[in-house]
Amino acid sequence: MRRVAPWIKTATTVRGDGSKVIRYESFRNPNAIESRKEALPHANGVGVWFHTSYFLIGPDGTEKEYHTMKAAKQAAEKEAEK
């Protein structure tokens, strides 16, 4: 049975518009994961809604987007096995 790496929140950045970036790292995995919540304006121009994407960031700086944190973690584990 393989051991799943624990992911630890290492940084949080909050912008003035309410957007937020949270970085997760693991001591067992060379990759990092960023949760990016961005403020998107409503179609009528009044207010915003928030959308979160998860990015797997490789040691070389390459990024791949995922829709869930679970999918990003699974991809990170798969990449680390290579």
C-alpha atoms as a PDB file:
ATOM      1  CA  MET A   1       0.000   0.000   0.000  1.00  0.00           C
ATOM      2  CA  ARG A   2       1.434   3.372  -0.936  1.00  0.00           C
ATOM      3  CA  ARG A   3       1.470   6.210   1.544  1.00  0.00           C
ATOM      4  CA  VAL A   4      -0.284   9.410   0.592  1.00  0.00           C
ATOM      5  CA  ALA A   5       1.707  12.549   1.250  1.00  0.00           C
ATOM      6  CA  PRO A   6       0.241  15.030   3.743  1.00  0.00           C
ATOM      7  CA  TRP A   7      -0.358  18.432   2.173  1.00  0.00           C
ATOM      8  CA  ILE A   8       0.373  21.446   4.363  1.00  0.00           C
ATOM      9  CA  LYS A   9      -0.832  25.004   3.731  1.00  0.00           C
ATOM     10  CA  THR A  10       2.385  27.039   3.372  1.00  0.00           C
ATOM     11  CA  ALA A  11       1.209  30.420   2.069  1.00  0.00           C
ATOM     12  CA  THR A  12      -1.946  32.481   1.638  1.00  0.00           C
ATOM     13  CA  THR A  13      -2.300  35.614  -0.471  1.00  0.00           C
ATOM     14  CA  VAL A  14      -5.496  37.696  -0.393  1.00  0.00           C
ATOM     15  CA  ARG A  15      -6.087  40.480  -2.900  1.00  0.00           C
ATOM     16  CA  GLY A  16      -8.278  43.540  -2.504  1.00  0.00           C
ATOM     17  CA  ASP A  17     -11.011  42.187  -4.782  1.00  0.00           C
ATOM     18  CA  GLY A  18     -11.467  39.112  -2.582  1.00  0.00           C
ATOM     19  CA  SER A  19      -9.378  36.799  -4.753  1.00  0.00           C
ATOM     20  CA  LYS A  20      -7.227  34.361  -2.818  1.00  0.00           C
ATOM     21  CA  VAL A  21      -4.279  32.054  -3.562  1.00  0.00           C
ATOM     22  CA  ILE A  22      -3.423  29.268  -1.127  1.00  0.00           C
ATOM     23  CA  ARG A  23      -0.264  27.203  -1.655  1.00  0.00           C
ATOM     24  CA  TYR A  24       0.048  23.620  -0.409  1.00  0.00           C
ATOM     25  CA  GLU A  25       3.283  21.649  -0.243  1.00  0.00           C
ATOM     26  CA  SER A  26       4.347  18.212   0.943  1.00  0.00           C
ATOM     27  CA  PHE A  27       7.707  17.039   2.233  1.00  0.00           C
ATOM     28  CA  ARG A  28       7.167  13.734   0.375  1.00  0.00           C
ATOM     29  CA  ASN A  29       6.330  15.299  -2.990  1.00  0.00           C
ATOM     30  CA  PRO A  30       8.386  17.701  -5.151  1.00  0.00           C
ATOM     31  CA  ASN A  31       5.216  19.269  -6.600  1.00  0.00           C
ATOM     32  CA  ALA A  32       3.104  22.044  -5.103  1.00  0.00           C
ATOM     33  CA  ILE A  33      -0.620  22.734  -5.395  1.00  0.00           C
ATOM     34  CA  GLU A  34      -2.199  26.191  -5.523  1.00  0.00           C
ATOM     35  CA  SER A  35      -5.861  26.874  -4.876  1.00  0.00           C
ATOM     36  CA  ARG A  36      -6.751  30.030  -6.818  1.00  0.00           C
ATOM     37  CA  LYS A  37     -10.079  31.699  -6.047  1.00  0.00           C
ATOM     38  CA  GLU A  38     -10.774  34.525  -8.464  1.00  0.00           C
ATOM     39  CA  ALA A  39     -13.480  37.174  -8.483  1.00  0.00           C
ATOM     40  CA  LEU A  40     -15.374  37.143 -11.779  1.00  0.00           C
ATOM     41  CA  PRO A  41     -17.840  39.937 -12.597  1.00  0.00           C
ATOM     42  CA  HIS A  42     -21.492  39.036 -13.078  1.00  0.00           C
ATOM     43  CA  ALA A  43     -22.806  39.334 -16.639  1.00  0.00           C
ATOM     44  CA  ASN A  44     -24.939  42.347 -15.699  1.00  0.00           C
ATOM     45  CA  GLY A  45     -21.851  44.150 -14.357  1.00  0.00           C
ATOM     46  CA  VAL A  46     -23.143  44.333 -10.779  1.00  0.00           C
ATOM     47  CA  GLY A  47     -21.024  42.447  -8.258  1.00  0.00           C
ATOM     48  CA  VAL A  48     -18.821  39.380  -8.637  1.00  0.00           C
ATOM     49  CA  TRP A  49     -18.927  35.635  -8.132  1.00  0.00           C
ATOM     50  CA  PHE A  50     -16.003  33.466  -7.075  1.00  0.00           C
ATOM     51  CA  HIS A  51     -14.525  30.540  -8.984  1.00  0.00           C
ATOM     52  CA  THR A  52     -11.810  28.266  -7.566  1.00  0.00           C
ATOM     53  CA  SER A  53      -9.337  26.274  -9.654  1.00  0.00           C
ATOM     54  CA  TYR A  54      -6.504  24.066  -8.457  1.00  0.00           C
ATOM     55  CA  PHE A  55      -3.106  24.104 -10.124  1.00  0.00           C
ATOM     56  CA  LEU A  56      -0.462  21.403  -9.888  1.00  0.00           C
ATOM     57  CA  ILE A  57       2.912  23.135 -10.073  1.00  0.00           C
ATOM     58  CA  GLY A  58       5.874  20.973 -11.000  1.00  0.00           C
ATOM     59  CA  PRO A  59       9.439  21.486  -9.747  1.00  0.00           C
ATOM     60  CA  ASP A  60      10.282  23.059 -13.130  1.00  0.00           C
ATOM     61  CA  GLY A  61       7.439  25.598 -12.814  1.00  0.00           C
ATOM     62  CA  THR A  62       4.996  23.952 -15.218  1.00  0.00           C
ATOM     63  CA  GLU A  63       1.329  24.233 -14.258  1.00  0.00           C
ATOM     64  CA  LYS A  64      -1.716  22.079 -14.945  1.00  0.00           C
ATOM     65  CA  GLU A  65      -5.243  23.076 -13.939  1.00  0.00           C
ATOM     66  CA  TYR A  66      -7.728  20.803 -12.146  1.00  0.00           C
ATOM     67  CA  HIS A  67     -11.318  21.362 -11.048  1.00  0.00           C
ATOM     68  CA  THR A  68     -10.971  19.740  -7.623  1.00  0.00           C
ATOM     69  CA  MET A  69      -8.297  19.550  -4.949  1.00  0.00           C
ATOM     70  CA  LYS A  70      -8.686  15.773  -4.911  1.00  0.00           C
ATOM     71  CA  ALA A  71      -7.840  15.539  -8.628  1.00  0.00           C
ATOM     72  CA  ALA A  72      -4.794  17.797  -8.179  1.00  0.00           C
ATOM     73  CA  LYS A  73      -3.536  15.688  -5.253  1.00  0.00           C
ATOM     74  CA  GLN A  74      -3.984  12.462  -7.207  1.00  0.00           C
ATOM     75  CA  ALA A  75      -2.073  13.911 -10.165  1.00  0.00           C
ATOM     76  CA  ALA A  76       0.716  15.076  -7.838  1.00  0.00           C
ATOM     77  CA  GLU A  77       1.035  11.594  -6.344  1.00  0.00           C
ATOM     78  CA  LYS A  78       1.091  10.054  -9.824  1.00  0.00           C
ATOM     79  CA  GLU A  79       3.793  12.509 -10.971  1.00  0.00           C
ATOM     80  CA  ALA A  80       5.918  11.786  -7.901  1.00  0.00           C
ATOM     81  CA  GLU A  81       5.859   8.055  -8.667  1.00  0.00           C
ATOM     82  CA  LYS A  82       7.544   8.623 -12.059  1.00  0.00           C
END
